[in-house]
């Protein structure tokens, strides 16, 4: 907690993967004010997708966490994450969707227990 899952149709070169997920992890920790030791970022490549009925490189970013999601936090995450994906993967902003889900601590498990 928090977790960021990035699914993309963009080609992500092997040498770029580690640096991209590390940068996204730093953004996630900083913007949500959560310790990075609890942040997880998953990059899932090879998806198929379209936007506005056109084939183009796209990304869907699902961000989940326990508390801390506010309109300001969500807007800043959207700005920084979309910016990073556009810069690093050559995506266009209109091809990046983000969702934010606040999960109760009782519904989030880690290390064999829940956060509640």
N, C-alpha and C. Protein backbone atom coordinates (compact mmCIF):
# COMPACT_ATOMS: atom_id res chain seq x y z
N UNK A 1 0.83 -1.16 0.00
CA UNK A 1 0.00 0.00 0.00
C UNK A 1 0.88 1.22 0.00
N UNK A 2 0.84 2.04 -0.93
CA UNK A 2 -0.02 1.99 -2.11
C UNK A 2 0.58 1.13 -3.24
N UNK A 3 -0.29 0.80 -4.16
CA UNK A 3 0.06 -0.02 -5.32
C UNK A 3 -0.28 0.74 -6.58
N UNK A 4 0.65 0.73 -7.54
CA UNK A 4 0.39 1.31 -8.86
C UNK A 4 0.63 0.21 -9.89
N UNK A 5 -0.40 -0.10 -10.66
CA UNK A 5 -0.30 -1.10 -11.72
C UNK A 5 -0.45 -0.37 -13.05
N UNK A 6 0.57 -0.47 -13.88
CA UNK A 6 0.59 0.20 -15.18
C UNK A 6 0.50 -0.88 -16.26
N UNK A 7 -0.57 -0.83 -17.05
CA UNK A 7 -0.71 -1.72 -18.20
C UNK A 7 -0.56 -0.85 -19.44
N UNK A 8 0.29 -1.27 -20.36
CA UNK A 8 0.52 -0.44 -21.53
C UNK A 8 0.70 -1.27 -22.80
N UNK A 9 0.35 -0.63 -23.91
CA UNK A 9 0.59 -1.23 -25.22
C UNK A 9 1.95 -0.79 -25.75
N UNK A 10 2.57 0.17 -25.09
CA UNK A 10 3.85 0.71 -25.56
C UNK A 10 4.97 -0.31 -25.39
N UNK A 11 5.90 -0.26 -26.30
CA UNK A 11 7.10 -1.07 -26.19
C UNK A 11 7.99 -0.45 -25.12
N UNK A 12 8.37 -1.23 -24.13
CA UNK A 12 9.23 -0.73 -23.06
C UNK A 12 10.55 -1.49 -23.15
N UNK A 13 11.58 -0.84 -23.65
CA UNK A 13 12.86 -1.53 -23.77
C UNK A 13 13.34 -2.07 -22.42
N UNK A 14 13.98 -3.20 -22.47
CA UNK A 14 14.47 -3.87 -21.26
C UNK A 14 15.25 -2.91 -20.35
N UNK A 15 16.12 -2.12 -20.93
CA UNK A 15 16.96 -1.23 -20.12
C UNK A 15 16.20 -0.08 -19.49
N UNK A 16 14.98 0.17 -19.95
CA UNK A 16 14.17 1.28 -19.42
C UNK A 16 13.22 0.84 -18.32
N UNK A 17 12.92 -0.46 -18.25
CA UNK A 17 11.91 -0.94 -17.31
C UNK A 17 12.22 -0.62 -15.86
N UNK A 18 13.42 -0.98 -15.42
CA UNK A 18 13.77 -0.77 -14.01
C UNK A 18 13.75 0.71 -13.64
N UNK A 19 14.32 1.55 -14.49
CA UNK A 19 14.35 2.98 -14.16
C UNK A 19 12.95 3.58 -14.16
N UNK A 20 12.08 3.11 -15.05
CA UNK A 20 10.71 3.63 -15.09
C UNK A 20 9.94 3.26 -13.83
N UNK A 21 9.99 2.00 -13.41
CA UNK A 21 9.23 1.62 -12.21
C UNK A 21 9.82 2.27 -10.96
N UNK A 22 11.13 2.49 -10.93
CA UNK A 22 11.73 3.18 -9.78
C UNK A 22 11.26 4.63 -9.73
N UNK A 23 11.22 5.29 -10.87
CA UNK A 23 10.76 6.68 -10.90
C UNK A 23 9.29 6.76 -10.48
N UNK A 24 8.46 5.85 -10.99
CA UNK A 24 7.04 5.83 -10.62
C UNK A 24 6.86 5.55 -9.13
N UNK A 25 7.70 4.69 -8.56
CA UNK A 25 7.64 4.40 -7.13
C UNK A 25 7.95 5.65 -6.31
N UNK A 26 8.96 6.40 -6.74
CA UNK A 26 9.31 7.64 -6.06
C UNK A 26 8.18 8.66 -6.12
N UNK A 27 7.56 8.78 -7.29
CA UNK A 27 6.43 9.69 -7.45
C UNK A 27 5.29 9.27 -6.53
N UNK A 28 4.98 7.97 -6.52
CA UNK A 28 3.89 7.44 -5.71
C UNK A 28 4.12 7.74 -4.23
N UNK A 29 5.31 7.48 -3.74
CA UNK A 29 5.63 7.73 -2.33
C UNK A 29 5.55 9.22 -1.99
N UNK A 30 6.16 10.03 -2.83
CA UNK A 30 6.21 11.47 -2.54
C UNK A 30 4.82 12.10 -2.55
N UNK A 31 4.04 11.81 -3.57
CA UNK A 31 2.74 12.48 -3.72
C UNK A 31 1.73 11.98 -2.68
N UNK A 32 1.77 10.69 -2.34
CA UNK A 32 0.82 10.15 -1.36
C UNK A 32 1.30 10.31 0.08
N UNK A 33 2.54 10.75 0.26
CA UNK A 33 3.13 10.90 1.60
C UNK A 33 3.17 9.57 2.34
N UNK A 34 3.45 8.49 1.59
CA UNK A 34 3.59 7.16 2.18
C UNK A 34 5.05 6.74 2.06
N UNK A 35 5.56 5.97 3.03
CA UNK A 35 6.94 5.51 2.94
C UNK A 35 7.12 4.62 1.69
N UNK A 36 8.22 4.85 0.97
CA UNK A 36 8.43 4.07 -0.25
C UNK A 36 8.58 2.58 0.05
N UNK A 37 8.96 2.23 1.27
CA UNK A 37 9.10 0.81 1.62
C UNK A 37 7.77 0.06 1.49
N UNK A 38 6.64 0.78 1.49
CA UNK A 38 5.33 0.16 1.33
C UNK A 38 4.80 0.27 -0.10
N UNK A 39 5.49 0.96 -0.97
CA UNK A 39 4.99 1.19 -2.34
C UNK A 39 5.36 0.03 -3.26
N UNK A 40 4.42 -0.34 -4.09
CA UNK A 40 4.67 -1.36 -5.10
C UNK A 40 4.23 -0.80 -6.44
N UNK A 41 5.06 -1.01 -7.46
CA UNK A 41 4.73 -0.60 -8.82
C UNK A 41 4.90 -1.81 -9.72
N UNK A 42 3.87 -2.11 -10.48
CA UNK A 42 3.91 -3.21 -11.44
C UNK A 42 3.78 -2.64 -12.84
N UNK A 43 4.62 -3.09 -13.74
CA UNK A 43 4.56 -2.70 -15.13
C UNK A 43 4.19 -3.92 -15.96
N UNK A 44 3.02 -3.86 -16.58
CA UNK A 44 2.53 -4.97 -17.40
C UNK A 44 2.56 -4.52 -18.85
N UNK A 45 3.37 -5.16 -19.63
CA UNK A 45 3.50 -4.78 -21.03
C UNK A 45 2.77 -5.79 -21.91
N UNK A 46 2.60 -5.42 -23.16
CA UNK A 46 2.04 -6.35 -24.13
C UNK A 46 0.53 -6.34 -24.24
N UNK A 47 -0.12 -5.38 -23.62
CA UNK A 47 -1.57 -5.27 -23.73
C UNK A 47 -1.93 -4.81 -25.15
N UNK A 48 -3.15 -5.08 -25.54
CA UNK A 48 -3.69 -4.53 -26.79
C UNK A 48 -4.70 -3.47 -26.41
N UNK A 49 -4.77 -2.37 -27.16
CA UNK A 49 -5.71 -1.33 -26.79
C UNK A 49 -5.88 -0.29 -27.87
N UNK A 50 -6.93 0.49 -27.70
CA UNK A 50 -7.21 1.61 -28.60
C UNK A 50 -7.67 2.78 -27.75
N UNK A 51 -7.68 3.94 -28.35
CA UNK A 51 -8.25 5.13 -27.71
C UNK A 51 -9.00 5.89 -28.78
N UNK A 52 -10.22 6.27 -28.49
CA UNK A 52 -11.06 7.02 -29.41
C UNK A 52 -11.21 6.30 -30.75
N UNK A 53 -11.23 4.96 -30.68
CA UNK A 53 -11.41 4.17 -31.89
C UNK A 53 -10.19 4.11 -32.78
N UNK A 54 -9.06 4.59 -32.27
CA UNK A 54 -7.82 4.56 -33.06
C UNK A 54 -6.77 3.69 -32.36
N UNK A 55 -5.97 3.04 -33.18
CA UNK A 55 -4.83 2.33 -32.64
C UNK A 55 -3.76 3.33 -32.29
N UNK A 56 -3.30 3.29 -31.08
CA UNK A 56 -2.22 4.17 -30.63
C UNK A 56 -1.66 3.59 -29.35
N UNK A 57 -0.44 3.92 -28.98
CA UNK A 57 0.09 3.45 -27.70
C UNK A 57 -0.72 4.05 -26.55
N UNK A 58 -1.18 3.22 -25.66
CA UNK A 58 -1.99 3.68 -24.53
C UNK A 58 -1.50 3.04 -23.23
N UNK A 59 -1.95 3.60 -22.12
CA UNK A 59 -1.64 3.04 -20.81
C UNK A 59 -2.84 3.24 -19.88
N UNK A 60 -3.06 2.24 -19.06
CA UNK A 60 -4.05 2.33 -17.99
C UNK A 60 -3.30 2.16 -16.69
N UNK A 61 -3.49 3.09 -15.77
CA UNK A 61 -2.79 3.08 -14.49
C UNK A 61 -3.83 2.98 -13.38
N UNK A 62 -3.75 1.91 -12.62
CA UNK A 62 -4.65 1.69 -11.49
C UNK A 62 -3.85 1.93 -10.21
N UNK A 63 -4.28 2.91 -9.41
CA UNK A 63 -3.59 3.26 -8.18
C UNK A 63 -4.53 2.95 -7.02
N UNK A 64 -4.02 2.16 -6.08
CA UNK A 64 -4.81 1.79 -4.91
C UNK A 64 -4.00 2.06 -3.65
N UNK A 65 -4.69 2.35 -2.59
CA UNK A 65 -4.01 2.60 -1.33
C UNK A 65 -4.98 2.67 -0.19
N UNK A 66 -4.41 2.80 1.00
CA UNK A 66 -5.20 2.91 2.22
C UNK A 66 -5.13 4.36 2.67
N UNK A 67 -6.19 5.10 2.38
CA UNK A 67 -6.26 6.50 2.79
C UNK A 67 -5.32 7.39 2.00
N UNK A 68 -5.54 8.68 2.13
CA UNK A 68 -4.65 9.66 1.53
C UNK A 68 -5.05 10.14 0.15
N UNK A 69 -6.05 9.54 -0.48
CA UNK A 69 -6.47 10.01 -1.79
C UNK A 69 -7.41 11.19 -1.61
N UNK A 70 -7.00 12.32 -2.10
CA UNK A 70 -7.80 13.54 -2.09
C UNK A 70 -7.85 14.04 -3.53
N UNK A 71 -8.74 14.96 -3.83
CA UNK A 71 -8.73 15.52 -5.17
C UNK A 71 -7.36 16.09 -5.57
N UNK A 72 -6.66 16.71 -4.62
CA UNK A 72 -5.35 17.29 -4.91
C UNK A 72 -4.29 16.21 -5.16
N UNK A 73 -4.29 15.18 -4.33
CA UNK A 73 -3.34 14.07 -4.50
C UNK A 73 -3.60 13.37 -5.83
N UNK A 74 -4.86 13.10 -6.13
CA UNK A 74 -5.19 12.41 -7.39
C UNK A 74 -4.78 13.24 -8.60
N UNK A 75 -5.02 14.55 -8.55
CA UNK A 75 -4.65 15.43 -9.66
C UNK A 75 -3.13 15.45 -9.84
N UNK A 76 -2.40 15.50 -8.74
CA UNK A 76 -0.94 15.54 -8.83
C UNK A 76 -0.37 14.21 -9.32
N UNK A 77 -0.92 13.11 -8.83
CA UNK A 77 -0.49 11.80 -9.34
C UNK A 77 -0.78 11.70 -10.83
N UNK A 78 -1.95 12.12 -11.24
CA UNK A 78 -2.32 12.07 -12.65
C UNK A 78 -1.33 12.88 -13.49
N UNK A 79 -1.02 14.07 -13.04
CA UNK A 79 -0.10 14.95 -13.77
C UNK A 79 1.29 14.33 -13.88
N UNK A 80 1.83 13.89 -12.74
CA UNK A 80 3.20 13.39 -12.74
C UNK A 80 3.34 12.04 -13.41
N UNK A 81 2.41 11.13 -13.17
CA UNK A 81 2.50 9.79 -13.77
C UNK A 81 2.30 9.86 -15.27
N UNK A 82 1.27 10.58 -15.71
CA UNK A 82 1.05 10.72 -17.15
C UNK A 82 2.25 11.39 -17.80
N UNK A 83 2.80 12.40 -17.17
CA UNK A 83 3.97 13.08 -17.70
C UNK A 83 5.15 12.14 -17.86
N UNK A 84 5.38 11.32 -16.86
CA UNK A 84 6.50 10.38 -16.91
C UNK A 84 6.30 9.33 -18.00
N UNK A 85 5.08 8.80 -18.11
CA UNK A 85 4.80 7.80 -19.14
C UNK A 85 4.91 8.40 -20.54
N UNK A 86 4.46 9.63 -20.70
CA UNK A 86 4.57 10.29 -22.01
C UNK A 86 6.03 10.52 -22.37
N UNK A 87 6.79 10.99 -21.40
CA UNK A 87 8.21 11.29 -21.63
C UNK A 87 9.00 10.01 -21.93
N UNK A 88 8.80 8.99 -21.12
CA UNK A 88 9.63 7.78 -21.22
C UNK A 88 9.16 6.80 -22.29
N UNK A 89 7.86 6.76 -22.56
CA UNK A 89 7.33 5.76 -23.49
C UNK A 89 6.78 6.35 -24.78
N UNK A 90 6.79 7.66 -24.89
CA UNK A 90 6.30 8.29 -26.10
C UNK A 90 4.79 8.27 -26.24
N UNK A 91 4.09 8.15 -25.11
CA UNK A 91 2.63 8.17 -25.15
C UNK A 91 2.14 9.61 -25.27
N UNK A 92 0.91 9.77 -25.70
CA UNK A 92 0.26 11.07 -25.70
C UNK A 92 -0.66 11.11 -24.48
N UNK A 93 -0.82 12.29 -23.89
CA UNK A 93 -1.63 12.40 -22.67
C UNK A 93 -3.04 11.85 -22.83
N UNK A 94 -3.63 12.01 -24.03
CA UNK A 94 -4.99 11.51 -24.22
C UNK A 94 -5.04 9.97 -24.24
N UNK A 95 -3.90 9.33 -24.28
CA UNK A 95 -3.85 7.87 -24.27
C UNK A 95 -3.51 7.28 -22.91
N UNK A 96 -3.63 8.08 -21.85
CA UNK A 96 -3.31 7.61 -20.50
C UNK A 96 -4.51 7.84 -19.59
N UNK A 97 -5.06 6.75 -19.06
CA UNK A 97 -6.12 6.82 -18.06
C UNK A 97 -5.56 6.39 -16.71
N UNK A 98 -6.02 7.03 -15.65
CA UNK A 98 -5.67 6.64 -14.29
C UNK A 98 -6.94 6.49 -13.48
N UNK A 99 -6.95 5.52 -12.59
CA UNK A 99 -8.04 5.39 -11.61
C UNK A 99 -7.42 5.32 -10.22
N UNK A 100 -8.19 5.76 -9.22
CA UNK A 100 -7.73 5.80 -7.84
C UNK A 100 -8.76 5.10 -6.97
N UNK A 101 -8.30 4.16 -6.18
CA UNK A 101 -9.20 3.40 -5.31
C UNK A 101 -8.65 3.42 -3.89
N UNK A 102 -9.48 3.89 -2.96
CA UNK A 102 -9.15 3.88 -1.54
C UNK A 102 -9.67 2.56 -0.96
N UNK A 103 -8.79 1.74 -0.43
CA UNK A 103 -9.14 0.42 0.07
C UNK A 103 -9.07 0.42 1.60
N UNK A 104 -10.11 -0.06 2.28
CA UNK A 104 -10.04 -0.14 3.74
C UNK A 104 -8.90 -1.07 4.18
N UNK A 105 -8.25 -0.73 5.27
CA UNK A 105 -7.15 -1.55 5.79
C UNK A 105 -7.53 -3.00 6.02
N UNK A 106 -8.80 -3.25 6.34
CA UNK A 106 -9.25 -4.64 6.54
C UNK A 106 -9.27 -5.42 5.24
N UNK A 107 -9.25 -4.73 4.11
CA UNK A 107 -9.28 -5.39 2.80
C UNK A 107 -7.93 -5.36 2.09
N UNK A 108 -6.85 -5.13 2.84
CA UNK A 108 -5.52 -5.09 2.25
C UNK A 108 -4.59 -5.96 3.08
N UNK A 109 -4.08 -7.02 2.48
CA UNK A 109 -3.20 -7.95 3.18
C UNK A 109 -1.74 -7.75 2.82
N UNK A 110 -0.87 -8.02 3.79
CA UNK A 110 0.57 -7.94 3.58
C UNK A 110 1.26 -8.72 4.69
N UNK A 111 2.26 -9.49 4.34
CA UNK A 111 3.01 -10.25 5.32
C UNK A 111 2.14 -11.16 6.16
N UNK A 112 1.11 -11.74 5.54
CA UNK A 112 0.26 -12.71 6.22
C UNK A 112 -0.79 -12.12 7.15
N UNK A 113 -0.99 -10.81 7.07
CA UNK A 113 -2.04 -10.18 7.89
C UNK A 113 -2.61 -9.00 7.12
N UNK A 114 -3.55 -8.30 7.72
CA UNK A 114 -4.11 -7.11 7.08
C UNK A 114 -3.57 -5.86 7.76
N UNK A 115 -3.80 -4.72 7.15
CA UNK A 115 -3.33 -3.46 7.73
C UNK A 115 -4.25 -2.94 8.83
N UNK A 116 -5.39 -3.59 9.06
CA UNK A 116 -6.31 -3.11 10.09
C UNK A 116 -6.08 -3.84 11.41
